[in-house]
Protein backbone atom coordinates (compact mmCIF):
# COMPACT_ATOMS: atom_id res chain seq x y z
CA UNK A 1 0.00 0.00 0.00
CA UNK A 2 1.35 3.41 -0.98
CA UNK A 3 2.07 6.36 1.28
CA UNK A 4 -0.94 8.29 0.02
CA UNK A 5 -3.42 5.50 0.66
CA UNK A 6 -1.98 4.91 4.16
CA UNK A 7 -2.27 8.62 4.98
CA UNK A 8 -5.82 8.70 3.64
CA UNK A 9 -6.83 5.66 5.72
CA UNK A 10 -5.35 7.31 8.79
CA UNK A 11 -7.27 10.54 8.10
CA UNK A 12 -10.55 8.66 7.54
CA UNK A 13 -10.10 6.74 10.79
CA UNK A 14 -9.33 10.01 12.59
CA UNK A 15 -12.36 11.76 11.06
CA UNK A 16 -14.68 8.92 12.11
CA UNK A 17 -13.68 9.43 15.72
CA UNK A 18 -13.74 13.24 15.68
CA UNK A 19 -16.74 14.58 17.57
CA UNK A 20 -16.43 18.28 16.77
CA UNK A 21 -14.20 20.51 14.65
CA UNK A 22 -13.54 24.08 15.84
CA UNK A 23 -11.77 27.16 14.52
CA UNK A 24 -8.50 28.39 15.91
CA UNK A 25 -8.37 32.10 16.76
CA UNK A 26 -6.54 33.28 13.62
CA UNK A 27 -8.68 31.20 11.26
CA UNK A 28 -11.84 32.49 12.98
CA UNK A 29 -10.66 36.09 12.54
CA UNK A 30 -9.98 35.48 8.85
CA UNK A 31 -13.36 33.76 8.47
CA UNK A 32 -15.10 36.82 9.89
CA UNK A 33 -13.25 38.98 7.33
CA UNK A 34 -14.23 36.87 4.28
CA UNK A 35 -17.74 35.85 5.33
CA UNK A 36 -19.58 38.95 4.03
CA UNK A 37 -18.10 38.62 0.56
CA UNK A 38 -18.79 34.88 0.41
CA UNK A 39 -22.40 35.28 1.50
CA UNK A 40 -23.20 38.30 -0.69
CA UNK A 41 -24.40 36.23 -3.65
CA UNK A 42 -24.72 37.27 -7.27
CA UNK A 43 -27.60 37.61 -9.72
CA UNK A 44 -28.70 35.27 -12.46
CA UNK A 45 -27.61 31.77 -13.26
CA UNK A 46 -24.06 32.52 -12.11
CA UNK A 47 -25.42 33.48 -8.70
CA UNK A 48 -27.54 30.36 -8.49
CA UNK A 49 -24.57 28.15 -9.30
CA UNK A 50 -22.25 29.73 -6.72
CA UNK A 51 -24.88 30.13 -4.01
CA UNK A 52 -24.04 29.13 -0.44
CA UNK A 53 -20.33 29.80 -0.93
CA UNK A 54 -19.86 30.30 2.78
CA UNK A 55 -21.30 26.86 3.59
CA UNK A 56 -19.17 25.18 0.93
CA UNK A 57 -16.01 26.88 2.21
CA UNK A 58 -16.67 25.77 5.81
CA UNK A 59 -17.16 22.20 4.58
CA UNK A 60 -13.94 22.32 2.58
CA UNK A 61 -11.96 23.84 5.46
CA UNK A 62 -13.31 21.13 7.77
CA UNK A 63 -12.27 18.43 5.31
CA UNK A 64 -8.77 19.89 5.07
CA UNK A 65 -8.47 19.95 8.86
CA UNK A 66 -9.62 16.34 9.13
CA UNK A 67 -7.22 15.29 6.36
CA UNK A 68 -4.49 16.79 8.58
CA UNK A 69 -5.86 14.70 11.46
CA UNK A 70 -6.80 17.88 13.29
CA UNK A 71 -10.02 18.89 15.03
CA UNK A 72 -8.98 22.52 14.66
CA UNK A 73 -9.44 24.49 11.44
CA UNK A 74 -6.30 26.58 10.98
CA UNK A 75 -5.63 29.44 8.55
CA UNK A 76 -3.95 27.09 6.05
CA UNK A 77 -7.11 24.93 5.94
CA UNK A 78 -9.28 27.98 5.36
CA UNK A 79 -6.88 29.37 2.73
CA UNK A 80 -6.95 26.07 0.85
CA UNK A 81 -10.75 26.01 0.97
CA UNK A 82 -10.97 29.60 -0.30
CA UNK A 83 -8.63 28.82 -3.19
CA UNK A 84 -10.70 25.79 -4.20
CA UNK A 85 -13.82 27.96 -4.04
CA UNK A 86 -12.20 30.69 -6.18
CA UNK A 87 -11.40 28.03 -8.75
CA UNK A 88 -15.03 26.84 -8.67
CA UNK A 89 -16.31 30.40 -9.15
CA UNK A 90 -13.89 30.97 -12.00
CA UNK A 91 -14.97 27.74 -13.65
CA UNK A 92 -18.64 28.70 -13.41
CA UNK A 93 -17.88 32.16 -14.83
CA UNK A 94 -15.86 30.65 -17.68
CA UNK A 95 -18.45 28.02 -18.62
CA UNK A 96 -21.66 30.00 -18.10
CA UNK A 97 -20.52 33.62 -17.95
CA UNK A 98 -21.09 35.95 -15.02
CA UNK A 99 -23.97 37.68 -16.79
CA UNK A 100 -25.90 34.58 -17.81
CA UNK A 101 -29.49 34.87 -16.66
CA UNK A 102 -30.64 31.36 -17.43
CA UNK A 103 -33.09 32.86 -19.95
CA UNK A 104 -31.78 32.31 -23.49
CA UNK A 105 -33.69 35.30 -24.89
CA UNK A 106 -32.37 37.63 -22.18
CA UNK A 107 -28.83 36.32 -22.67
CA UNK A 108 -29.08 36.88 -26.43
CA UNK A 109 -30.44 40.42 -25.98
CA UNK A 110 -27.65 41.23 -23.54
CA UNK A 111 -25.03 40.01 -26.04
CA UNK A 112 -26.60 42.14 -28.77
CA UNK A 113 -26.63 45.23 -26.56
CA UNK A 114 -23.04 44.67 -25.44
CA UNK A 115 -21.96 44.71 -29.09
CA UNK A 116 -24.08 47.80 -29.95
CA UNK A 117 -22.29 50.81 -28.41
CA UNK A 118 -25.11 53.18 -29.40
CA UNK A 119 -27.79 50.87 -28.05
CA UNK A 120 -30.81 49.40 -29.82
CA UNK A 121 -34.48 50.21 -29.87
CA UNK A 122 -36.98 47.50 -28.97
CA UNK A 123 -37.96 47.44 -32.65
CA UNK A 124 -34.34 46.78 -33.64
CA UNK A 125 -34.12 44.05 -31.02
CA UNK A 126 -37.29 42.46 -32.40
CA UNK A 127 -35.86 42.70 -35.92
CA UNK A 128 -32.71 40.91 -34.75
CA UNK A 129 -34.95 37.99 -33.77
CA UNK A 130 -36.58 38.16 -37.23
CA UNK A 131 -39.76 39.21 -35.44
CA UNK A 132 -40.07 35.72 -33.90
CA UNK A 133 -40.47 37.18 -30.39
CA UNK A 134 -43.64 38.96 -29.34
CA UNK A 135 -43.52 42.53 -28.02
CA UNK A 136 -44.72 41.16 -24.68
CA UNK A 137 -41.87 38.63 -24.53
CA UNK A 138 -39.30 41.30 -25.42
CA UNK A 139 -40.71 43.72 -22.80
CA UNK A 140 -40.65 41.01 -20.13
CA UNK A 141 -37.12 39.96 -21.00
CA UNK A 142 -35.75 43.51 -21.19
CA UNK A 143 -37.52 44.18 -17.87
CA UNK A 144 -35.65 41.27 -16.27
CA UNK A 145 -32.34 42.65 -17.55
CA UNK A 146 -33.25 46.14 -16.33
CA UNK A 147 -34.22 44.88 -12.85
CA UNK A 148 -30.84 43.16 -12.57
CA UNK A 149 -29.09 46.38 -13.53
CA UNK A 150 -27.69 44.86 -16.72
CA UNK A 151 -29.35 47.28 -19.16
CA UNK A 152 -30.57 50.85 -19.04
CA UNK A 153 -32.90 52.86 -21.22
CA UNK A 154 -32.53 56.23 -22.83
CA UNK A 155 -35.46 58.11 -24.37
CA UNK A 156 -34.68 60.11 -27.46
CA UNK A 157 -36.79 62.67 -29.28
CA UNK A 158 -36.05 62.73 -32.99
CA UNK A 159 -38.00 65.31 -34.94
CA UNK A 160 -41.74 65.69 -34.40
CA UNK A 161 -42.54 62.01 -34.00
CA UNK A 162 -43.00 60.05 -30.83
CA UNK A 163 -39.88 59.62 -28.70
CA UNK A 164 -38.02 56.33 -29.00
CA UNK A 165 -36.45 54.29 -26.25
CA UNK A 166 -32.98 52.94 -26.82
CA UNK A 167 -31.57 50.15 -24.66
CA UNK A 168 -27.89 49.87 -23.74
CA UNK A 169 -25.89 47.31 -21.80
CA UNK A 170 -24.54 48.61 -18.51
CA UNK A 171 -20.75 48.35 -18.52
């Protein structure tokens, strides 16, 4: 049996007998510093996929402590857990994007607006979908993006006609 498997067996046996895992003072202080950021959440699909970051980091830090055959979470255990979590967040952002809403129409509109520096009217957005989306669907979808602070509107008066609303992606 190799060194790794022996060490893992030892850690599993230790973990089975551990009743409670606590924080040491320095790790607890660091945890208090990072907790607000971890628990702040994020909007959209990205937010849903990284939800409960604080709970996942505590679990990871606990596992690292137990793998060290320790019932005390130290700073190095917390640091390792935070790095794994940063990697997870980065992976989610890379695969799904931080701005993904989980609504394919909203995601497509956002991409269009991000590539249109002067914005687009709702009519132009509808035209981009070859008029295959109803005005109601476009209004609902743009409303979702606006509520999340991802787009903003600008009313423009051109000539004597009715004013138009142009939508732009928020940078």
